Amino acid sequence: MSATKTAIEMTITAARAASEMKATSIVAIDVSERLVLTDTFLVLSGSSERQVRSIVDAVEEAVEKSGHRRLRREGLEGEAHWVLLDFGELMVHVQQDEDREYYALEKLWGDCPVIELPDDVTADPEYRESSMSAYFDFSDLGNS
């Protein structure tokens, strides 16, 4: 069983909102085969605490405007290194670049299919990847 249509639509909505805030390395993963508590992960990063907070605000607003309620939010207190937004079928992980590279969620969930995001999700190629992404090999993501 793969991610529901609703989960994929929410993921795309959240990815577009994050992209508008210049989030880096936006990756959507279908984890529905491996987890029972959610269908998709959206993993993305920002370069600073301020940017992470802006991305979180934009994602929450966009997903809630599309009719979905946030169930939980973790990590916004303090320096906002890793914020988790739980929308039920979608979990959004917003991390500062250094934390994103350290925890490498894409590698952890590398055996799960990657959800193709529309071209408009990363409007500016300069913001497609974090500055540290060249040090890690994610070429095998989504390949079984």
N, C-alpha and C. Protein backbone atom coordinates (compact mmCIF):
# COMPACT_ATOMS: atom_id res chain seq x y z
N MET A 1 0.85 -1.18 0.00
CA MET A 1 0.00 0.00 0.00
C MET A 1 0.89 1.24 0.00
N SER A 2 0.64 2.14 -0.91
CA SER A 2 1.44 3.36 -0.98
C SER A 2 0.67 4.52 -0.34
N ALA A 3 1.34 5.65 -0.25
CA ALA A 3 0.76 6.84 0.37
C ALA A 3 -0.56 7.21 -0.29
N THR A 4 -1.49 7.71 0.51
CA THR A 4 -2.79 8.11 -0.01
C THR A 4 -2.66 9.37 -0.87
N LYS A 5 -3.67 9.59 -1.69
CA LYS A 5 -3.70 10.78 -2.52
C LYS A 5 -3.69 12.03 -1.64
N THR A 6 -4.43 12.00 -0.54
CA THR A 6 -4.47 13.13 0.38
C THR A 6 -3.09 13.42 0.95
N ALA A 7 -2.37 12.38 1.36
CA ALA A 7 -1.03 12.55 1.92
C ALA A 7 -0.09 13.17 0.90
N ILE A 8 -0.17 12.72 -0.33
CA ILE A 8 0.69 13.26 -1.39
C ILE A 8 0.34 14.72 -1.68
N GLU A 9 -0.95 15.04 -1.73
CA GLU A 9 -1.37 16.43 -1.95
C GLU A 9 -0.88 17.33 -0.81
N MET A 10 -1.00 16.87 0.44
CA MET A 10 -0.51 17.66 1.58
C MET A 10 0.99 17.84 1.48
N THR A 11 1.70 16.80 1.08
CA THR A 11 3.15 16.86 0.94
C THR A 11 3.55 17.90 -0.09
N ILE A 12 2.88 17.92 -1.22
CA ILE A 12 3.18 18.89 -2.27
C ILE A 12 2.85 20.31 -1.79
N THR A 13 1.73 20.48 -1.10
CA THR A 13 1.38 21.79 -0.55
C THR A 13 2.45 22.28 0.41
N ALA A 14 2.89 21.42 1.31
CA ALA A 14 3.93 21.78 2.28
C ALA A 14 5.26 22.07 1.58
N ALA A 15 5.60 21.27 0.58
CA ALA A 15 6.86 21.47 -0.16
C ALA A 15 6.85 22.80 -0.89
N ARG A 16 5.73 23.16 -1.49
CA ARG A 16 5.63 24.46 -2.18
C ARG A 16 5.81 25.61 -1.19
N ALA A 17 5.19 25.51 -0.04
CA ALA A 17 5.31 26.57 0.97
C ALA A 17 6.76 26.68 1.44
N ALA A 18 7.41 25.55 1.66
CA ALA A 18 8.81 25.55 2.10
C ALA A 18 9.71 26.13 1.01
N SER A 19 9.42 25.79 -0.23
CA SER A 19 10.21 26.29 -1.35
C SER A 19 10.12 27.81 -1.46
N GLU A 20 8.93 28.34 -1.22
CA GLU A 20 8.75 29.80 -1.26
C GLU A 20 9.59 30.50 -0.19
N MET A 21 9.91 29.79 0.88
CA MET A 21 10.74 30.35 1.96
C MET A 21 12.21 29.97 1.76
N LYS A 22 12.56 29.50 0.56
CA LYS A 22 13.93 29.16 0.19
C LYS A 22 14.52 28.01 0.99
N ALA A 23 13.67 27.02 1.35
CA ALA A 23 14.17 25.82 2.01
C ALA A 23 15.14 25.11 1.06
N THR A 24 16.08 24.38 1.63
CA THR A 24 17.06 23.67 0.82
C THR A 24 16.83 22.17 0.91
N SER A 25 17.28 21.48 -0.11
CA SER A 25 17.25 20.00 -0.15
C SER A 25 15.88 19.44 0.23
N ILE A 26 14.88 19.78 -0.51
CA ILE A 26 13.52 19.32 -0.22
C ILE A 26 13.34 17.91 -0.79
N VAL A 27 13.03 16.96 0.10
CA VAL A 27 12.87 15.56 -0.30
C VAL A 27 11.58 15.03 0.32
N ALA A 28 10.75 14.38 -0.48
CA ALA A 28 9.53 13.76 0.00
C ALA A 28 9.68 12.24 -0.11
N ILE A 29 9.34 11.54 0.98
CA ILE A 29 9.53 10.09 1.05
C ILE A 29 8.22 9.42 1.42
N ASP A 30 7.86 8.37 0.69
CA ASP A 30 6.68 7.57 0.98
C ASP A 30 7.09 6.49 2.00
N VAL A 31 6.69 6.67 3.25
CA VAL A 31 7.05 5.72 4.32
C VAL A 31 5.87 4.84 4.71
N SER A 32 4.82 4.84 3.91
CA SER A 32 3.58 4.13 4.27
C SER A 32 3.77 2.62 4.40
N GLU A 33 4.70 2.05 3.67
CA GLU A 33 4.95 0.60 3.76
C GLU A 33 5.68 0.24 5.05
N ARG A 34 6.39 1.19 5.65
CA ARG A 34 7.25 0.92 6.80
C ARG A 34 6.69 1.43 8.12
N LEU A 35 5.82 2.42 8.08
CA LEU A 35 5.26 3.00 9.31
C LEU A 35 3.74 2.95 9.28
N VAL A 36 3.14 2.77 10.43
CA VAL A 36 1.68 2.80 10.50
C VAL A 36 1.16 4.17 10.91
N LEU A 37 2.02 5.02 11.47
CA LEU A 37 1.52 6.30 11.97
C LEU A 37 1.52 7.43 10.97
N THR A 38 2.11 7.26 9.82
CA THR A 38 2.09 8.31 8.80
C THR A 38 2.34 7.70 7.42
N ASP A 39 2.01 8.44 6.39
CA ASP A 39 2.24 7.99 5.01
C ASP A 39 3.48 8.60 4.40
N THR A 40 3.72 9.87 4.67
CA THR A 40 4.83 10.56 4.01
C THR A 40 5.66 11.38 5.00
N PHE A 41 6.95 11.48 4.65
CA PHE A 41 7.87 12.40 5.32
C PHE A 41 8.25 13.45 4.30
N LEU A 42 8.27 14.69 4.72
CA LEU A 42 8.85 15.77 3.92
C LEU A 42 10.04 16.25 4.72
N VAL A 43 11.23 16.10 4.15
CA VAL A 43 12.46 16.46 4.85
C VAL A 43 13.08 17.63 4.11
N LEU A 44 13.38 18.68 4.85
CA LEU A 44 13.96 19.88 4.23
C LEU A 44 14.78 20.62 5.26
N SER A 45 15.53 21.59 4.79
CA SER A 45 16.37 22.31 5.73
C SER A 45 16.42 23.79 5.42
N GLY A 46 16.89 24.52 6.44
CA GLY A 46 17.11 25.95 6.34
C GLY A 46 18.49 26.26 6.89
N SER A 47 19.00 27.41 6.53
CA SER A 47 20.38 27.74 6.87
C SER A 47 20.55 28.33 8.27
N SER A 48 19.43 28.70 8.92
CA SER A 48 19.54 29.35 10.23
C SER A 48 18.27 29.10 11.04
N GLU A 49 18.35 29.43 12.31
CA GLU A 49 17.17 29.32 13.18
C GLU A 49 16.02 30.17 12.64
N ARG A 50 16.34 31.36 12.23
CA ARG A 50 15.32 32.28 11.70
C ARG A 50 14.64 31.69 10.46
N GLN A 51 15.43 31.13 9.56
CA GLN A 51 14.84 30.56 8.36
C GLN A 51 14.00 29.32 8.69
N VAL A 52 14.47 28.47 9.60
CA VAL A 52 13.70 27.30 10.00
C VAL A 52 12.34 27.74 10.54
N ARG A 53 12.33 28.75 11.39
CA ARG A 53 11.08 29.25 11.95
C ARG A 53 10.15 29.79 10.86
N SER A 54 10.70 30.49 9.89
CA SER A 54 9.89 31.02 8.78
C SER A 54 9.31 29.89 7.94
N ILE A 55 10.12 28.87 7.69
CA ILE A 55 9.64 27.71 6.92
C ILE A 55 8.51 27.01 7.66
N VAL A 56 8.69 26.80 8.96
CA VAL A 56 7.66 26.15 9.78
C VAL A 56 6.36 26.94 9.71
N ASP A 57 6.42 28.24 9.88
CA ASP A 57 5.22 29.08 9.82
C ASP A 57 4.53 28.96 8.47
N ALA A 58 5.31 29.02 7.39
CA ALA A 58 4.74 28.96 6.04
C ALA A 58 4.10 27.60 5.77
N VAL A 59 4.75 26.53 6.18
CA VAL A 59 4.21 25.18 5.96
C VAL A 59 2.93 24.99 6.75
N GLU A 60 2.94 25.38 8.02
CA GLU A 60 1.72 25.25 8.83
C GLU A 60 0.55 26.01 8.22
N GLU A 61 0.81 27.24 7.81
CA GLU A 61 -0.25 28.07 7.22
C GLU A 61 -0.80 27.44 5.94
N ALA A 62 0.08 27.00 5.07
CA ALA A 62 -0.36 26.44 3.78
C ALA A 62 -1.14 25.14 3.97
N VAL A 63 -0.65 24.25 4.81
CA VAL A 63 -1.34 22.97 5.00
C VAL A 63 -2.68 23.19 5.71
N GLU A 64 -2.70 24.08 6.68
CA GLU A 64 -3.96 24.35 7.37
C GLU A 64 -4.97 25.04 6.45
N LYS A 65 -4.49 25.92 5.56
CA LYS A 65 -5.40 26.55 4.58
C LYS A 65 -6.00 25.52 3.63
N SER A 66 -5.28 24.43 3.39
CA SER A 66 -5.79 23.38 2.50
C SER A 66 -6.74 22.44 3.22
N GLY A 67 -7.03 22.74 4.50
CA GLY A 67 -8.05 21.99 5.21
C GLY A 67 -7.55 20.91 6.15
N HIS A 68 -6.27 20.90 6.45
CA HIS A 68 -5.71 19.86 7.33
C HIS A 68 -5.17 20.50 8.60
N ARG A 69 -5.41 19.84 9.69
CA ARG A 69 -5.03 20.37 11.00
C ARG A 69 -3.72 19.76 11.48
N ARG A 70 -2.88 20.61 12.04
CA ARG A 70 -1.64 20.12 12.65
C ARG A 70 -2.00 19.45 13.96
N LEU A 71 -1.48 18.22 14.16
CA LEU A 71 -1.75 17.50 15.39
C LEU A 71 -0.73 17.82 16.47
N ARG A 72 0.54 17.94 16.05
CA ARG A 72 1.62 18.22 17.00
C ARG A 72 2.73 18.99 16.33
N ARG A 73 3.47 19.70 17.17
CA ARG A 73 4.68 20.39 16.71
C ARG A 73 5.72 20.22 17.81
N GLU A 74 6.91 19.76 17.44
CA GLU A 74 8.00 19.54 18.39
C GLU A 74 9.25 20.26 17.90
N GLY A 75 10.03 20.81 18.82
CA GLY A 75 11.34 21.34 18.50
C GLY A 75 11.43 22.82 18.20
N LEU A 76 10.35 23.54 18.30
CA LEU A 76 10.38 24.96 17.99
C LEU A 76 10.93 25.80 19.14
N GLU A 77 10.87 25.25 20.32
CA GLU A 77 11.44 25.95 21.47
C GLU A 77 12.98 25.91 21.35
N GLY A 78 13.64 26.85 21.96
CA GLY A 78 15.10 26.89 21.88
C GLY A 78 15.57 27.41 20.53
N GLU A 79 16.60 26.77 19.99
CA GLU A 79 17.23 27.25 18.76
C GLU A 79 16.67 26.63 17.48
N ALA A 80 15.62 25.86 17.57
CA ALA A 80 14.92 25.31 16.40
C ALA A 80 15.88 24.59 15.44
N HIS A 81 16.65 23.66 15.97
CA HIS A 81 17.56 22.89 15.11
C HIS A 81 16.81 21.85 14.29
N TRP A 82 15.76 21.25 14.88
CA TRP A 82 14.98 20.23 14.19
C TRP A 82 13.54 20.38 14.65
N VAL A 83 12.68 20.79 13.75
CA VAL A 83 11.27 20.95 14.08
C VAL A 83 10.49 19.87 13.34
N LEU A 84 9.62 19.20 14.06
CA LEU A 84 8.76 18.17 13.49
C LEU A 84 7.33 18.67 13.52
N LEU A 85 6.69 18.67 12.35
CA LEU A 85 5.28 19.02 12.23
C LEU A 85 4.51 17.76 11.88
N ASP A 86 3.54 17.41 12.70
CA ASP A 86 2.76 16.19 12.50
C ASP A 86 1.37 16.57 12.04
N PHE A 87 1.06 16.22 10.79
CA PHE A 87 -0.26 16.46 10.22
C PHE A 87 -1.02 15.14 10.03
N GLY A 88 -0.62 14.11 10.75
CA GLY A 88 -1.26 12.80 10.61
C GLY A 88 -0.64 12.01 9.48
N GLU A 89 -1.18 12.14 8.29
CA GLU A 89 -0.66 11.42 7.13
C GLU A 89 0.68 11.97 6.63
N LEU A 90 1.03 13.17 7.07
CA LEU A 90 2.27 13.83 6.66
C LEU A 90 3.04 14.27 7.90
N MET A 91 4.33 13.97 7.90
CA MET A 91 5.22 14.51 8.93
C MET A 91 6.30 15.31 8.22
N VAL A 92 6.45 16.56 8.64
CA VAL A 92 7.43 17.46 8.04
C VAL A 92 8.59 17.63 9.01
N HIS A 93 9.79 17.34 8.53
CA HIS A 93 11.01 17.51 9.31
C HIS A 93 11.74 18.72 8.74
N VAL A 94 11.84 19.79 9.54
CA VAL A 94 12.56 20.99 9.11
C VAL A 94 13.80 21.08 10.00
N GLN A 95 14.97 21.00 9.38
CA GLN A 95 16.21 20.99 10.14
C GLN A 95 17.16 22.08 9.65
N GLN A 96 18.00 22.54 10.57
CA GLN A 96 19.08 23.42 10.14
C GLN A 96 20.07 22.55 9.35
N ASP A 97 20.77 23.15 8.40
CA ASP A 97 21.63 22.41 7.48
C ASP A 97 22.55 21.40 8.17
N GLU A 98 23.23 21.83 9.23
CA GLU A 98 24.19 20.95 9.89
C GLU A 98 23.51 19.73 10.51
N ASP A 99 22.34 19.93 11.10
CA ASP A 99 21.60 18.82 11.69
C ASP A 99 21.07 17.89 10.60
N ARG A 100 20.66 18.46 9.51
CA ARG A 100 20.16 17.68 8.39
C ARG A 100 21.24 16.74 7.88
N GLU A 101 22.44 17.25 7.71
CA GLU A 101 23.53 16.42 7.23
C GLU A 101 23.94 15.38 8.27
N TYR A 102 23.93 15.74 9.53
CA TYR A 102 24.35 14.82 10.59
C TYR A 102 23.39 13.63 10.71
N TYR A 103 22.08 13.91 10.74
CA TYR A 103 21.10 12.85 10.95
C TYR A 103 20.75 12.09 9.67
N ALA A 104 20.92 12.69 8.53
CA ALA A 104 20.75 12.04 7.21
C ALA A 104 19.50 11.15 7.14
N LEU A 105 18.35 11.74 7.37
CA LEU A 105 17.10 10.97 7.33
C LEU A 105 16.88 10.29 5.99
N GLU A 106 17.35 10.91 4.92
CA GLU A 106 17.18 10.29 3.60
C GLU A 106 17.88 8.93 3.54
N LYS A 107 19.02 8.81 4.17
CA LYS A 107 19.74 7.53 4.21
C LYS A 107 19.00 6.53 5.09
N LEU A 108 18.51 7.00 6.24
CA LEU A 108 17.78 6.12 7.15
C LEU A 108 16.56 5.51 6.46
N TRP A 109 15.87 6.30 5.66
CA TRP A 109 14.67 5.84 4.97
C TRP A 109 14.95 5.59 3.49
N GLY A 110 16.19 5.32 3.15
CA GLY A 110 16.62 5.15 1.76
C GLY A 110 15.97 4.01 1.01
N ASP A 111 15.41 3.05 1.72
CA ASP A 111 14.74 1.93 1.04
C ASP A 111 13.28 2.24 0.73
N CYS A 112 12.82 3.42 1.08
CA CYS A 112 11.44 3.83 0.79
C CYS A 112 11.42 4.66 -0.50
N PRO A 113 10.34 4.59 -1.24
CA PRO A 113 10.26 5.36 -2.49
C PRO A 113 10.22 6.87 -2.25
N VAL A 114 10.90 7.58 -3.13
CA VAL A 114 10.88 9.04 -3.10
C VAL A 114 9.65 9.50 -3.88
N ILE A 115 8.95 10.48 -3.35
CA ILE A 115 7.78 11.05 -4.02
C ILE A 115 8.27 12.17 -4.93
N GLU A 116 7.92 12.07 -6.19
CA GLU A 116 8.31 13.09 -7.17
C GLU A 116 7.55 14.38 -6.87
N LEU A 117 8.29 15.47 -6.73
CA LEU A 117 7.68 16.77 -6.47
C LEU A 117 7.61 17.57 -7.76
N PRO A 118 6.60 18.43 -7.90
CA PRO A 118 6.47 19.24 -9.12
C PRO A 118 7.67 20.18 -9.30
N ASP A 119 7.90 20.58 -10.54
CA ASP A 119 9.03 21.46 -10.86
C ASP A 119 8.99 22.79 -10.12
N ASP A 120 7.80 23.28 -9.80
CA ASP A 120 7.72 24.59 -9.14
C ASP A 120 8.08 24.55 -7.65
N VAL A 121 8.39 23.38 -7.12
CA VAL A 121 8.75 23.28 -5.71
C VAL A 121 10.10 23.94 -5.43
N THR A 122 11.02 23.85 -6.33
CA THR A 122 12.31 24.53 -6.15
C THR A 122 12.46 25.55 -7.26
N ALA A 123 11.93 26.74 -7.03
CA ALA A 123 11.90 27.78 -8.05
C ALA A 123 13.29 28.28 -8.42
N ASP A 124 14.20 28.31 -7.46
CA ASP A 124 15.54 28.83 -7.69
C ASP A 124 16.55 27.72 -7.51
N PRO A 125 17.25 27.29 -8.57
CA PRO A 125 18.20 26.18 -8.46
C PRO A 125 19.28 26.42 -7.41
N GLU A 126 19.58 27.66 -7.10
CA GLU A 126 20.59 27.97 -6.09
C GLU A 126 20.20 27.40 -4.73
N TYR A 127 18.90 27.24 -4.48
CA TYR A 127 18.42 26.78 -3.19
C TYR A 127 18.01 25.31 -3.21
N ARG A 128 18.34 24.58 -4.24
CA ARG A 128 17.95 23.18 -4.36
C ARG A 128 18.61 22.30 -3.31
N GLU A 129 19.86 22.55 -2.98
CA GLU A 129 20.58 21.72 -2.04
C GLU A 129 21.31 22.57 -1.02
N SER A 130 21.50 22.01 0.16
CA SER A 130 22.26 22.71 1.18
C SER A 130 23.73 22.74 0.80
N SER A 131 24.48 23.62 1.40
CA SER A 131 25.89 23.78 1.06
C SER A 131 26.72 22.56 1.40
N MET A 132 26.27 21.73 2.34
CA MET A 132 27.03 20.56 2.75
C MET A 132 26.64 19.30 1.98
N SER A 133 25.64 19.35 1.15
CA SER A 133 25.13 18.15 0.50
C SER A 133 26.14 17.50 -0.44
N ALA A 134 27.12 18.25 -0.90
CA ALA A 134 28.13 17.69 -1.80
C ALA A 134 29.01 16.65 -1.09
N TYR A 135 29.02 16.67 0.22
CA TYR A 135 29.85 15.73 0.98
C TYR A 135 29.19 14.38 1.19
N PHE A 136 27.92 14.25 0.84
CA PHE A 136 27.19 13.01 1.07
C PHE A 136 26.64 12.47 -0.24
N ASP A 137 26.62 11.16 -0.35
CA ASP A 137 26.13 10.51 -1.56
C ASP A 137 24.71 10.01 -1.31
N PHE A 138 23.73 10.68 -1.91
CA PHE A 138 22.35 10.26 -1.79
C PHE A 138 21.84 9.68 -3.12
N SER A 139 22.74 9.29 -3.99
CA SER A 139 22.36 8.85 -5.33
C SER A 139 21.53 7.58 -5.34
N ASP A 140 21.62 6.78 -4.27
CA ASP A 140 20.87 5.52 -4.25
C ASP A 140 19.50 5.64 -3.57
N LEU A 141 19.08 6.85 -3.25
CA LEU A 141 17.78 7.04 -2.60
C LEU A 141 16.64 6.57 -3.49
N GLY A 142 15.75 5.85 -2.90
CA GLY A 142 14.56 5.41 -3.61
C GLY A 142 14.78 4.19 -4.48
N ASN A 143 16.00 3.72 -4.57
CA ASN A 143 16.27 2.52 -5.35
C ASN A 143 16.20 1.31 -4.46
N SER A 144 15.47 0.30 -4.90
CA SER A 144 15.34 -0.92 -4.09
C SER A 144 16.31 -1.98 -4.56
